[in-house]
N, C-alpha and C. Protein backbone atom coordinates (compact mmCIF):
# COMPACT_ATOMS: atom_id res chain seq x y z
N MET A 1 -90.21 10.46 31.32
CA MET A 1 -89.06 11.38 31.37
C MET A 1 -87.81 10.62 31.83
N LYS A 2 -86.66 11.16 31.48
CA LYS A 2 -85.41 10.59 31.94
C LYS A 2 -85.28 10.80 33.44
N TRP A 3 -84.52 9.90 34.09
CA TRP A 3 -84.25 10.07 35.52
C TRP A 3 -82.92 10.79 35.69
N TYR A 4 -82.92 11.82 36.50
CA TYR A 4 -81.69 12.55 36.81
C TYR A 4 -81.92 13.32 38.10
N LEU A 5 -80.84 13.64 38.77
CA LEU A 5 -80.90 14.41 40.00
C LEU A 5 -80.90 15.90 39.67
N ILE A 6 -81.84 16.64 40.23
CA ILE A 6 -81.86 18.09 40.04
C ILE A 6 -80.65 18.73 40.71
N ARG A 7 -80.30 18.24 41.90
CA ARG A 7 -79.08 18.67 42.56
C ARG A 7 -78.03 17.57 42.45
N PRO A 8 -76.74 17.92 42.44
CA PRO A 8 -75.70 16.89 42.43
C PRO A 8 -75.77 16.04 43.69
N PRO A 9 -75.30 14.80 43.64
CA PRO A 9 -75.25 13.97 44.85
C PRO A 9 -74.42 14.65 45.94
N ARG A 10 -74.82 14.46 47.19
CA ARG A 10 -74.10 15.09 48.30
C ARG A 10 -72.62 14.70 48.32
N ILE A 11 -72.33 13.48 47.92
CA ILE A 11 -70.94 13.03 47.96
C ILE A 11 -70.05 13.84 47.02
N TYR A 12 -70.64 14.41 45.97
CA TYR A 12 -69.86 15.26 45.07
C TYR A 12 -69.22 16.42 45.82
N ARG A 13 -69.99 17.04 46.70
CA ARG A 13 -69.48 18.22 47.41
C ARG A 13 -68.36 17.85 48.36
N TRP A 14 -68.34 16.60 48.80
CA TRP A 14 -67.26 16.12 49.65
C TRP A 14 -66.05 15.71 48.82
N LEU A 15 -66.29 14.93 47.76
CA LEU A 15 -65.18 14.46 46.92
C LEU A 15 -64.47 15.61 46.20
N PHE A 16 -65.28 16.51 45.65
CA PHE A 16 -64.73 17.60 44.83
C PHE A 16 -64.78 18.90 45.63
N SER A 17 -64.10 18.90 46.75
CA SER A 17 -64.27 19.97 47.75
C SER A 17 -63.73 21.32 47.29
N GLU A 18 -62.91 21.34 46.26
CA GLU A 18 -62.38 22.61 45.79
C GLU A 18 -63.14 23.14 44.57
N ALA A 19 -64.17 22.41 44.17
CA ALA A 19 -65.01 22.87 43.06
C ALA A 19 -66.09 23.83 43.57
N ILE A 20 -66.72 24.53 42.64
CA ILE A 20 -67.80 25.45 42.98
C ILE A 20 -69.13 24.79 42.61
N PHE A 21 -70.05 24.78 43.55
CA PHE A 21 -71.39 24.27 43.32
C PHE A 21 -72.46 25.34 43.49
N ARG A 22 -72.15 26.34 44.29
CA ARG A 22 -73.15 27.35 44.63
C ARG A 22 -72.45 28.61 45.09
N GLY A 23 -73.08 29.75 44.83
CA GLY A 23 -72.54 31.01 45.29
C GLY A 23 -72.90 31.29 46.74
N PRO A 24 -72.52 32.45 47.26
CA PRO A 24 -72.78 32.80 48.65
C PRO A 24 -74.27 32.81 48.98
N LYS A 25 -74.62 32.24 50.13
CA LYS A 25 -76.02 32.21 50.56
C LYS A 25 -76.55 33.59 50.91
N GLU A 26 -75.64 34.47 51.32
CA GLU A 26 -76.07 35.77 51.84
C GLU A 26 -76.60 36.67 50.73
N LYS A 27 -76.15 36.45 49.52
CA LYS A 27 -76.55 37.31 48.41
C LYS A 27 -77.73 36.68 47.67
N ASN A 28 -78.72 37.48 47.37
CA ASN A 28 -79.91 36.98 46.68
C ASN A 28 -79.64 36.95 45.17
N THR A 29 -78.55 36.25 44.81
CA THR A 29 -78.11 36.20 43.43
C THR A 29 -78.10 34.76 42.95
N VAL A 30 -78.49 34.54 41.69
CA VAL A 30 -78.41 33.23 41.07
C VAL A 30 -77.58 33.36 39.80
N TYR A 31 -77.15 32.21 39.27
CA TYR A 31 -76.18 32.20 38.19
C TYR A 31 -76.67 31.29 37.07
N LEU A 32 -77.18 31.89 36.01
CA LEU A 32 -77.62 31.13 34.85
C LEU A 32 -76.41 30.70 34.03
N THR A 33 -76.34 29.41 33.71
CA THR A 33 -75.26 28.91 32.87
C THR A 33 -75.84 28.06 31.75
N PHE A 34 -75.14 28.05 30.63
CA PHE A 34 -75.60 27.33 29.44
C PHE A 34 -74.46 26.46 28.91
N ASP A 35 -74.74 25.17 28.75
CA ASP A 35 -73.74 24.21 28.33
C ASP A 35 -73.92 23.79 26.87
N ASP A 36 -72.83 23.33 26.27
CA ASP A 36 -72.80 22.59 25.01
C ASP A 36 -72.80 23.45 23.75
N GLY A 37 -72.94 24.76 23.86
CA GLY A 37 -72.93 25.60 22.69
C GLY A 37 -71.51 25.93 22.25
N PRO A 38 -71.39 26.90 21.34
CA PRO A 38 -72.53 27.62 20.76
C PRO A 38 -73.22 26.82 19.65
N HIS A 39 -74.51 27.12 19.49
CA HIS A 39 -75.32 26.54 18.43
C HIS A 39 -76.07 27.69 17.78
N PRO A 40 -76.05 27.81 16.46
CA PRO A 40 -76.60 29.01 15.81
C PRO A 40 -78.00 29.39 16.27
N GLU A 41 -78.93 28.46 16.26
CA GLU A 41 -80.31 28.81 16.61
C GLU A 41 -80.50 28.91 18.12
N ALA A 42 -79.98 27.93 18.86
CA ALA A 42 -80.21 27.91 20.31
C ALA A 42 -79.50 29.07 21.01
N THR A 43 -78.26 29.30 20.66
CA THR A 43 -77.52 30.39 21.32
C THR A 43 -78.10 31.74 20.95
N ASP A 44 -78.51 31.89 19.71
CA ASP A 44 -79.17 33.14 19.31
C ASP A 44 -80.42 33.39 20.14
N HIS A 45 -81.22 32.35 20.35
CA HIS A 45 -82.43 32.50 21.16
C HIS A 45 -82.07 32.91 22.59
N VAL A 46 -81.10 32.23 23.18
CA VAL A 46 -80.69 32.56 24.54
C VAL A 46 -80.24 34.01 24.64
N LEU A 47 -79.40 34.43 23.72
CA LEU A 47 -78.88 35.79 23.77
C LEU A 47 -79.99 36.83 23.64
N ARG A 48 -80.96 36.56 22.79
CA ARG A 48 -82.07 37.51 22.63
C ARG A 48 -82.92 37.60 23.90
N VAL A 49 -83.17 36.46 24.54
CA VAL A 49 -83.95 36.47 25.78
C VAL A 49 -83.17 37.17 26.89
N LEU A 50 -81.89 36.85 27.03
CA LEU A 50 -81.07 37.51 28.05
C LEU A 50 -81.05 39.02 27.85
N GLU A 51 -80.88 39.45 26.61
CA GLU A 51 -80.84 40.89 26.33
C GLU A 51 -82.17 41.55 26.69
N SER A 52 -83.27 40.87 26.43
CA SER A 52 -84.58 41.46 26.72
C SER A 52 -84.79 41.69 28.21
N HIS A 53 -84.08 40.93 29.04
CA HIS A 53 -84.21 41.07 30.49
C HIS A 53 -83.03 41.82 31.10
N GLY A 54 -82.02 42.15 30.31
CA GLY A 54 -80.83 42.79 30.86
C GLY A 54 -80.05 41.88 31.78
N VAL A 55 -80.03 40.57 31.47
CA VAL A 55 -79.39 39.57 32.32
C VAL A 55 -78.09 39.09 31.67
N LYS A 56 -77.06 38.89 32.49
CA LYS A 56 -75.81 38.31 32.01
C LYS A 56 -75.71 36.87 32.49
N ALA A 57 -75.05 36.03 31.70
CA ALA A 57 -74.96 34.60 32.01
C ALA A 57 -73.58 34.09 31.65
N THR A 58 -73.35 32.81 31.97
CA THR A 58 -72.08 32.16 31.67
C THR A 58 -72.33 31.01 30.70
N PHE A 59 -71.53 30.95 29.65
CA PHE A 59 -71.66 29.93 28.62
C PHE A 59 -70.46 28.98 28.70
N PHE A 60 -70.72 27.72 29.05
CA PHE A 60 -69.70 26.69 29.04
C PHE A 60 -69.68 26.06 27.64
N LEU A 61 -68.70 26.49 26.86
CA LEU A 61 -68.66 26.16 25.43
C LEU A 61 -67.87 24.88 25.16
N LEU A 62 -68.34 24.11 24.19
CA LEU A 62 -67.56 23.01 23.66
C LEU A 62 -66.54 23.56 22.67
N GLY A 63 -65.30 23.13 22.81
CA GLY A 63 -64.27 23.65 21.93
C GLY A 63 -64.57 23.41 20.46
N LYS A 64 -65.10 22.23 20.12
CA LYS A 64 -65.38 21.94 18.71
C LYS A 64 -66.45 22.87 18.16
N ASN A 65 -67.41 23.27 18.99
CA ASN A 65 -68.45 24.20 18.54
C ASN A 65 -67.92 25.62 18.49
N ALA A 66 -67.09 25.98 19.46
CA ALA A 66 -66.50 27.32 19.46
C ALA A 66 -65.63 27.53 18.23
N LYS A 67 -64.94 26.49 17.82
CA LYS A 67 -64.10 26.58 16.62
C LYS A 67 -64.96 26.75 15.38
N LYS A 68 -66.07 26.05 15.33
CA LYS A 68 -66.95 26.08 14.16
C LYS A 68 -67.71 27.39 14.06
N TYR A 69 -68.09 27.96 15.22
CA TYR A 69 -68.93 29.16 15.23
C TYR A 69 -68.23 30.29 15.98
N ALA A 70 -67.05 30.64 15.50
CA ALA A 70 -66.23 31.65 16.18
C ALA A 70 -66.93 33.00 16.27
N GLU A 71 -67.69 33.37 15.25
CA GLU A 71 -68.39 34.66 15.28
C GLU A 71 -69.44 34.69 16.39
N LEU A 72 -70.05 33.55 16.64
CA LEU A 72 -71.05 33.47 17.70
C LEU A 72 -70.39 33.58 19.08
N VAL A 73 -69.20 33.00 19.23
CA VAL A 73 -68.45 33.16 20.47
C VAL A 73 -68.14 34.64 20.69
N ASN A 74 -67.71 35.33 19.65
CA ASN A 74 -67.42 36.76 19.77
C ASN A 74 -68.67 37.54 20.15
N ARG A 75 -69.80 37.15 19.62
CA ARG A 75 -71.06 37.82 19.97
C ARG A 75 -71.40 37.63 21.45
N ILE A 76 -71.24 36.41 21.95
CA ILE A 76 -71.50 36.15 23.37
C ILE A 76 -70.68 37.10 24.23
N ARG A 77 -69.41 37.20 23.93
CA ARG A 77 -68.52 38.05 24.72
C ARG A 77 -68.84 39.53 24.53
N LYS A 78 -69.12 39.92 23.31
CA LYS A 78 -69.42 41.32 23.04
C LYS A 78 -70.66 41.78 23.79
N GLU A 79 -71.61 40.87 24.00
CA GLU A 79 -72.83 41.23 24.70
C GLU A 79 -72.69 41.12 26.23
N GLY A 80 -71.46 40.90 26.68
CA GLY A 80 -71.17 41.02 28.11
C GLY A 80 -71.29 39.76 28.93
N HIS A 81 -71.33 38.60 28.26
CA HIS A 81 -71.45 37.34 28.98
C HIS A 81 -70.08 36.70 29.14
N MET A 82 -70.00 35.77 30.07
CA MET A 82 -68.76 35.05 30.33
C MET A 82 -68.72 33.77 29.51
N THR A 83 -67.55 33.42 28.98
CA THR A 83 -67.37 32.14 28.31
C THR A 83 -66.39 31.28 29.13
N ALA A 84 -66.66 29.98 29.19
CA ALA A 84 -65.83 29.05 29.93
C ALA A 84 -65.77 27.73 29.18
N ASN A 85 -64.96 26.81 29.69
CA ASN A 85 -64.60 25.59 28.98
C ASN A 85 -65.49 24.40 29.40
N HIS A 86 -66.01 23.69 28.40
CA HIS A 86 -66.79 22.47 28.63
C HIS A 86 -66.12 21.27 27.96
N GLY A 87 -64.80 21.44 27.70
CA GLY A 87 -64.05 20.40 27.00
C GLY A 87 -64.14 20.58 25.50
N MET A 88 -63.30 19.86 24.78
CA MET A 88 -63.29 19.97 23.33
C MET A 88 -64.41 19.14 22.71
N ASN A 89 -64.66 17.94 23.26
CA ASN A 89 -65.55 17.00 22.59
C ASN A 89 -66.62 16.38 23.49
N HIS A 90 -66.89 16.97 24.65
CA HIS A 90 -67.97 16.50 25.52
C HIS A 90 -67.76 15.05 25.95
N LEU A 91 -66.59 14.77 26.51
CA LEU A 91 -66.28 13.42 26.94
C LEU A 91 -66.88 13.11 28.31
N ASN A 92 -67.25 11.85 28.49
CA ASN A 92 -67.74 11.34 29.77
C ASN A 92 -66.54 10.88 30.58
N GLY A 93 -66.24 11.57 31.67
CA GLY A 93 -65.06 11.24 32.46
C GLY A 93 -65.09 9.85 33.07
N TRP A 94 -66.27 9.30 33.27
CA TRP A 94 -66.37 7.99 33.90
C TRP A 94 -65.94 6.86 32.98
N ASN A 95 -65.97 7.07 31.69
CA ASN A 95 -65.53 5.99 30.79
C ASN A 95 -64.44 6.44 29.82
N THR A 96 -63.67 7.46 30.25
CA THR A 96 -62.54 7.96 29.46
C THR A 96 -61.29 7.92 30.32
N ASP A 97 -60.20 7.38 29.78
CA ASP A 97 -58.97 7.32 30.58
C ASP A 97 -58.48 8.73 30.88
N THR A 98 -57.75 8.85 31.98
CA THR A 98 -57.37 10.17 32.49
C THR A 98 -56.55 10.97 31.50
N SER A 99 -55.60 10.34 30.83
CA SER A 99 -54.75 11.06 29.89
C SER A 99 -55.56 11.65 28.74
N THR A 100 -56.46 10.85 28.18
CA THR A 100 -57.30 11.32 27.08
C THR A 100 -58.21 12.45 27.56
N TYR A 101 -58.77 12.29 28.75
CA TYR A 101 -59.69 13.31 29.29
C TYR A 101 -58.96 14.63 29.51
N LEU A 102 -57.80 14.57 30.14
CA LEU A 102 -57.06 15.81 30.41
C LEU A 102 -56.64 16.50 29.12
N ASP A 103 -56.28 15.72 28.13
CA ASP A 103 -55.91 16.29 26.83
C ASP A 103 -57.10 17.01 26.20
N ASP A 104 -58.30 16.42 26.33
CA ASP A 104 -59.50 17.04 25.78
C ASP A 104 -59.82 18.35 26.50
N VAL A 105 -59.67 18.37 27.82
CA VAL A 105 -59.89 19.60 28.59
C VAL A 105 -58.90 20.68 28.15
N GLN A 106 -57.63 20.29 27.98
CA GLN A 106 -56.60 21.24 27.57
C GLN A 106 -56.90 21.82 26.19
N LYS A 107 -57.32 20.98 25.26
CA LYS A 107 -57.65 21.47 23.92
C LYS A 107 -58.84 22.44 23.98
N GLY A 108 -59.83 22.12 24.81
CA GLY A 108 -60.95 23.03 24.97
C GLY A 108 -60.51 24.36 25.55
N GLU A 109 -59.63 24.30 26.54
CA GLU A 109 -59.13 25.54 27.16
C GLU A 109 -58.39 26.39 26.15
N GLU A 110 -57.59 25.76 25.32
CA GLU A 110 -56.83 26.52 24.31
C GLU A 110 -57.77 27.15 23.29
N GLN A 111 -58.82 26.44 22.92
CA GLN A 111 -59.76 26.97 21.94
C GLN A 111 -60.59 28.11 22.51
N ILE A 112 -61.02 27.96 23.74
CA ILE A 112 -61.96 28.91 24.34
C ILE A 112 -61.24 30.02 25.10
N GLY A 113 -60.05 29.72 25.61
CA GLY A 113 -59.29 30.73 26.34
C GLY A 113 -59.77 30.94 27.75
N SER A 114 -60.19 29.86 28.42
CA SER A 114 -60.66 29.97 29.79
C SER A 114 -60.17 28.78 30.61
N ALA A 115 -59.71 29.06 31.83
CA ALA A 115 -59.30 28.00 32.76
C ALA A 115 -60.41 27.68 33.75
N VAL A 116 -61.64 28.04 33.41
CA VAL A 116 -62.82 27.66 34.19
C VAL A 116 -63.49 26.52 33.44
N PHE A 117 -63.70 25.39 34.12
CA PHE A 117 -64.12 24.16 33.43
C PHE A 117 -65.31 23.51 34.12
N ARG A 118 -66.29 23.09 33.32
CA ARG A 118 -67.39 22.26 33.82
C ARG A 118 -67.31 20.88 33.15
N PRO A 119 -67.27 19.81 33.94
CA PRO A 119 -67.21 18.46 33.37
C PRO A 119 -68.51 18.11 32.63
N PRO A 120 -68.42 17.67 31.37
CA PRO A 120 -69.62 17.22 30.68
C PRO A 120 -70.34 16.13 31.45
N TYR A 121 -71.65 16.19 31.47
CA TYR A 121 -72.52 15.26 32.20
C TYR A 121 -72.33 15.36 33.72
N GLY A 122 -71.40 16.17 34.18
CA GLY A 122 -71.06 16.18 35.60
C GLY A 122 -70.31 14.93 36.01
N LYS A 123 -69.78 14.19 35.05
CA LYS A 123 -69.14 12.90 35.33
C LYS A 123 -67.62 13.06 35.26
N LEU A 124 -67.03 13.08 36.43
CA LEU A 124 -65.60 13.35 36.57
C LEU A 124 -64.99 12.30 37.49
N GLY A 125 -63.94 11.62 37.04
CA GLY A 125 -63.23 10.67 37.89
C GLY A 125 -62.41 11.40 38.94
N TYR A 126 -62.18 10.72 40.07
CA TYR A 126 -61.46 11.40 41.15
C TYR A 126 -60.02 11.70 40.77
N LEU A 127 -59.34 10.80 40.06
CA LEU A 127 -57.98 11.09 39.62
C LEU A 127 -57.97 12.25 38.63
N GLN A 128 -58.97 12.30 37.76
CA GLN A 128 -59.09 13.43 36.83
C GLN A 128 -59.24 14.73 37.61
N TYR A 129 -60.06 14.69 38.64
CA TYR A 129 -60.25 15.88 39.49
C TYR A 129 -58.95 16.30 40.15
N LEU A 130 -58.22 15.35 40.72
CA LEU A 130 -56.97 15.69 41.40
C LEU A 130 -55.97 16.35 40.46
N ARG A 131 -55.96 15.89 39.22
CA ARG A 131 -55.06 16.48 38.24
C ARG A 131 -55.55 17.85 37.77
N LEU A 132 -56.84 17.96 37.57
CA LEU A 132 -57.39 19.20 37.02
C LEU A 132 -57.38 20.34 38.02
N ARG A 133 -57.61 20.05 39.29
CA ARG A 133 -57.77 21.12 40.28
C ARG A 133 -56.51 21.97 40.42
N LYS A 134 -55.37 21.44 39.97
CA LYS A 134 -54.12 22.19 40.02
C LYS A 134 -54.03 23.23 38.91
N LYS A 135 -54.86 23.04 37.87
CA LYS A 135 -54.72 23.86 36.67
C LYS A 135 -55.95 24.70 36.34
N VAL A 136 -57.13 24.23 36.75
CA VAL A 136 -58.36 24.92 36.36
C VAL A 136 -59.27 25.07 37.57
N LYS A 137 -60.26 25.96 37.44
CA LYS A 137 -61.31 26.07 38.44
C LYS A 137 -62.50 25.26 37.94
N ILE A 138 -62.92 24.27 38.71
CA ILE A 138 -63.99 23.37 38.30
C ILE A 138 -65.32 23.86 38.85
N VAL A 139 -66.31 23.91 37.97
CA VAL A 139 -67.63 24.42 38.35
C VAL A 139 -68.68 23.34 38.04
N PHE A 140 -69.42 22.93 39.05
CA PHE A 140 -70.56 22.05 38.86
C PHE A 140 -71.82 22.91 38.86
N TRP A 141 -72.82 22.57 39.66
CA TRP A 141 -74.07 23.34 39.69
C TRP A 141 -74.85 23.01 40.95
N ASP A 142 -75.86 23.79 41.21
CA ASP A 142 -76.77 23.56 42.33
C ASP A 142 -78.13 23.09 41.83
N VAL A 143 -78.50 23.49 40.60
CA VAL A 143 -79.81 23.12 40.03
C VAL A 143 -79.63 22.79 38.56
N ILE A 144 -80.14 21.65 38.13
CA ILE A 144 -80.12 21.33 36.71
C ILE A 144 -81.56 21.38 36.19
N SER A 145 -81.75 22.05 35.07
CA SER A 145 -83.10 22.36 34.59
C SER A 145 -83.81 21.16 33.96
N GLY A 146 -83.05 20.24 33.37
CA GLY A 146 -83.66 19.13 32.65
C GLY A 146 -84.14 19.50 31.26
N ASP A 147 -83.68 20.63 30.73
CA ASP A 147 -84.13 21.04 29.40
C ASP A 147 -83.64 20.10 28.30
N PHE A 148 -82.63 19.29 28.60
CA PHE A 148 -82.11 18.32 27.64
C PHE A 148 -83.01 17.09 27.49
N ASP A 149 -83.97 16.95 28.38
CA ASP A 149 -84.85 15.78 28.41
C ASP A 149 -85.96 15.95 27.36
N GLU A 150 -85.86 15.23 26.27
CA GLU A 150 -86.82 15.38 25.18
C GLU A 150 -88.20 14.81 25.53
N GLN A 151 -88.29 14.09 26.66
CA GLN A 151 -89.58 13.58 27.11
C GLN A 151 -90.27 14.55 28.06
N ALA A 152 -89.57 15.60 28.46
CA ALA A 152 -90.15 16.64 29.31
C ALA A 152 -90.70 17.75 28.43
N ASP A 153 -91.34 18.72 29.06
CA ASP A 153 -91.79 19.90 28.32
C ASP A 153 -91.36 21.16 29.06
N GLY A 154 -91.66 22.31 28.48
CA GLY A 154 -91.22 23.56 29.08
C GLY A 154 -91.75 23.78 30.47
N ASN A 155 -92.98 23.35 30.74
CA ASN A 155 -93.54 23.53 32.08
C ASN A 155 -92.75 22.75 33.12
N GLN A 156 -92.33 21.53 32.77
CA GLN A 156 -91.53 20.74 33.71
C GLN A 156 -90.18 21.38 33.96
N VAL A 157 -89.58 21.92 32.92
CA VAL A 157 -88.29 22.60 33.08
C VAL A 157 -88.43 23.80 34.01
N VAL A 158 -89.49 24.59 33.82
CA VAL A 158 -89.74 25.73 34.70
C VAL A 158 -89.90 25.26 36.14
N ARG A 159 -90.67 24.20 36.35
CA ARG A 159 -90.89 23.68 37.71
C ARG A 159 -89.58 23.20 38.33
N ASN A 160 -88.78 22.49 37.54
CA ASN A 160 -87.49 22.01 38.07
C ASN A 160 -86.66 23.15 38.63
N VAL A 161 -86.61 24.24 37.89
CA VAL A 161 -85.78 25.37 38.29
C VAL A 161 -86.41 26.14 39.46
N LEU A 162 -87.67 26.47 39.35
CA LEU A 162 -88.29 27.34 40.35
C LEU A 162 -88.45 26.65 41.70
N THR A 163 -88.65 25.34 41.72
CA THR A 163 -88.84 24.65 43.00
C THR A 163 -87.52 24.40 43.73
N LYS A 164 -86.39 24.46 43.03
CA LYS A 164 -85.11 24.14 43.66
C LYS A 164 -84.17 25.33 43.81
N THR A 165 -84.41 26.40 43.07
CA THR A 165 -83.49 27.53 43.11
C THR A 165 -83.56 28.24 44.45
N ARG A 166 -82.40 28.59 44.96
CA ARG A 166 -82.25 29.31 46.23
C ARG A 166 -81.12 30.32 46.06
N SER A 167 -80.91 31.15 47.06
CA SER A 167 -79.85 32.15 46.96
C SER A 167 -78.52 31.47 46.68
N GLY A 168 -77.84 31.93 45.64
CA GLY A 168 -76.55 31.39 45.27
C GLY A 168 -76.60 30.26 44.26
N SER A 169 -77.78 29.80 43.88
CA SER A 169 -77.87 28.65 42.97
C SER A 169 -77.19 28.92 41.63
N ILE A 170 -76.40 27.94 41.20
CA ILE A 170 -75.88 27.89 39.84
C ILE A 170 -76.81 26.98 39.07
N ILE A 171 -77.45 27.52 38.04
CA ILE A 171 -78.50 26.82 37.29
C ILE A 171 -77.95 26.40 35.93
N VAL A 172 -78.12 25.12 35.58
CA VAL A 172 -77.65 24.62 34.29
C VAL A 172 -78.80 24.56 33.30
N MET A 173 -78.60 25.21 32.15
CA MET A 173 -79.45 25.03 30.99
C MET A 173 -78.54 24.74 29.81
N HIS A 174 -79.10 24.51 28.63
CA HIS A 174 -78.30 24.10 27.48
C HIS A 174 -78.69 24.90 26.24
N ASP A 175 -77.69 25.45 25.56
CA ASP A 175 -77.96 26.10 24.27
C ASP A 175 -77.53 25.13 23.17
N SER A 176 -78.33 24.06 23.04
CA SER A 176 -78.05 22.99 22.10
C SER A 176 -79.29 22.71 21.26
N ARG A 177 -79.09 21.99 20.17
CA ARG A 177 -80.21 21.65 19.30
C ARG A 177 -81.24 20.81 20.05
N LYS A 178 -80.78 19.82 20.82
CA LYS A 178 -81.70 18.93 21.52
C LYS A 178 -82.55 19.66 22.55
N ALA A 179 -81.96 20.64 23.20
CA ALA A 179 -82.67 21.37 24.25
C ALA A 179 -83.52 22.51 23.73
N LEU A 180 -83.39 22.86 22.45
CA LEU A 180 -84.01 24.07 21.93
C LEU A 180 -85.52 24.16 22.16
N PRO A 181 -86.32 23.12 21.91
CA PRO A 181 -87.76 23.26 22.15
C PRO A 181 -88.08 23.61 23.61
N ASN A 182 -87.45 22.92 24.54
CA ASN A 182 -87.70 23.22 25.95
C ASN A 182 -87.12 24.57 26.35
N LEU A 183 -86.01 24.93 25.73
CA LEU A 183 -85.40 26.24 25.99
C LEU A 183 -86.36 27.36 25.59
N LYS A 184 -86.94 27.24 24.40
CA LYS A 184 -87.87 28.25 23.92
C LYS A 184 -89.11 28.34 24.80
N ALA A 185 -89.50 27.23 25.37
CA ALA A 185 -90.73 27.19 26.16
C ALA A 185 -90.52 27.55 27.63
N SER A 186 -89.26 27.72 28.05
CA SER A 186 -89.02 27.89 29.49
C SER A 186 -88.16 29.08 29.90
N LEU A 187 -87.18 29.46 29.08
CA LEU A 187 -86.17 30.42 29.55
C LEU A 187 -86.77 31.76 29.94
N ASN A 188 -87.61 32.31 29.10
CA ASN A 188 -88.20 33.61 29.42
C ASN A 188 -89.00 33.54 30.73
N GLU A 189 -89.76 32.48 30.90
CA GLU A 189 -90.58 32.33 32.11
C GLU A 189 -89.71 32.15 33.34
N ILE A 190 -88.64 31.40 33.23
CA ILE A 190 -87.72 31.21 34.35
C ILE A 190 -87.13 32.54 34.81
N ILE A 191 -86.63 33.32 33.86
CA ILE A 191 -86.03 34.61 34.23
C ILE A 191 -87.09 35.54 34.82
N THR A 192 -88.26 35.57 34.22
CA THR A 192 -89.33 36.44 34.70
C THR A 192 -89.70 36.09 36.14
N GLN A 193 -89.92 34.80 36.41
CA GLN A 193 -90.36 34.42 37.74
C GLN A 193 -89.26 34.55 38.79
N LEU A 194 -88.03 34.25 38.42
CA LEU A 194 -86.94 34.45 39.38
C LEU A 194 -86.77 35.93 39.71
N SER A 195 -86.91 36.77 38.70
CA SER A 195 -86.83 38.22 38.94
C SER A 195 -87.95 38.68 39.87
N GLU A 196 -89.15 38.15 39.65
CA GLU A 196 -90.28 38.51 40.51
C GLU A 196 -90.09 38.05 41.94
N LYS A 197 -89.30 36.99 42.13
CA LYS A 197 -89.00 36.49 43.47
C LYS A 197 -87.89 37.31 44.14
N GLY A 198 -87.34 38.26 43.41
CA GLY A 198 -86.34 39.15 43.98
C GLY A 198 -84.90 38.75 43.74
N PHE A 199 -84.67 37.74 42.89
CA PHE A 199 -83.30 37.34 42.59
C PHE A 199 -82.66 38.26 41.56
N SER A 200 -81.38 38.50 41.72
CA SER A 200 -80.59 39.13 40.67
C SER A 200 -79.72 38.04 40.03
N PHE A 201 -79.06 38.39 38.93
CA PHE A 201 -78.33 37.40 38.15
C PHE A 201 -76.86 37.79 38.04
N GLY A 202 -75.98 36.82 38.25
CA GLY A 202 -74.55 37.07 38.15
C GLY A 202 -73.88 36.07 37.22
N THR A 203 -72.58 36.25 37.02
CA THR A 203 -71.80 35.33 36.20
C THR A 203 -70.76 34.63 37.08
N ILE A 204 -70.27 33.51 36.59
CA ILE A 204 -69.40 32.66 37.41
C ILE A 204 -68.09 33.36 37.79
N ASP A 205 -67.64 34.30 36.99
CA ASP A 205 -66.40 34.97 37.36
C ASP A 205 -66.51 35.70 38.69
N ASN A 206 -67.73 36.01 39.14
CA ASN A 206 -67.92 36.62 40.45
C ASN A 206 -67.68 35.64 41.59
N LEU A 207 -67.60 34.33 41.28
CA LEU A 207 -67.51 33.31 42.33
C LEU A 207 -66.14 32.66 42.42
N LEU A 208 -65.20 33.06 41.61
CA LEU A 208 -63.96 32.31 41.49
C LEU A 208 -63.10 32.33 42.75
N GLU A 209 -63.37 33.24 43.66
CA GLU A 209 -62.62 33.26 44.90
C GLU A 209 -63.33 32.47 46.00
N HIS A 210 -64.51 31.92 45.70
CA HIS A 210 -65.30 31.22 46.69
C HIS A 210 -65.13 29.71 46.55
N LYS A 211 -65.15 29.02 47.68
CA LYS A 211 -65.24 27.56 47.66
C LYS A 211 -66.70 27.20 47.77
N ILE A 212 -67.02 25.91 47.75
CA ILE A 212 -68.42 25.50 47.79
C ILE A 212 -69.05 25.86 49.13
N VAL A 213 -70.39 25.98 49.12
CA VAL A 213 -71.13 26.28 50.34
C VAL A 213 -72.20 25.22 50.52
């Protein structure tokens, strides 16, 4: 399997102190989020599973995909979910100059119509952060599912989420072609087990007045 951190490095919470990583600890609520869509098959699957559980989620959309699948973006919103910006072209902030990166974020915002932004790969330069924090609300995560890992399986994805999720966790999954097999094998089980543990589900717009915890 690929190596990755289920939680962001601790230094992230210090460096990016105005970003959101987790919701309030006091509320037994978690926040399902989906990156990189929309994708016809993957997003359709996610929406059907969410509807079957009566759960709302947040979709961090790529501008290029939102432009290509505008009807699917409308469906996400019509079904009561939140849409937010994941950039226009999924750039890696660590190897992209600041001007190019900010331009890509702006184009994504214009396409998607949201000033809530998640950095692709979670890789954001500090100068990029300083510039962006004046214009957008930056959202990272508390738990990453690993569904993008083609060497993992659905059981591993379920374990990643269930062993790390706590009150307020923002959980990252992906409605992308690459993640689709693991998504199909894990999403329903994740929602079922989190519900059985007593968690409710919220969307990121409920957290926009909160700083990290």
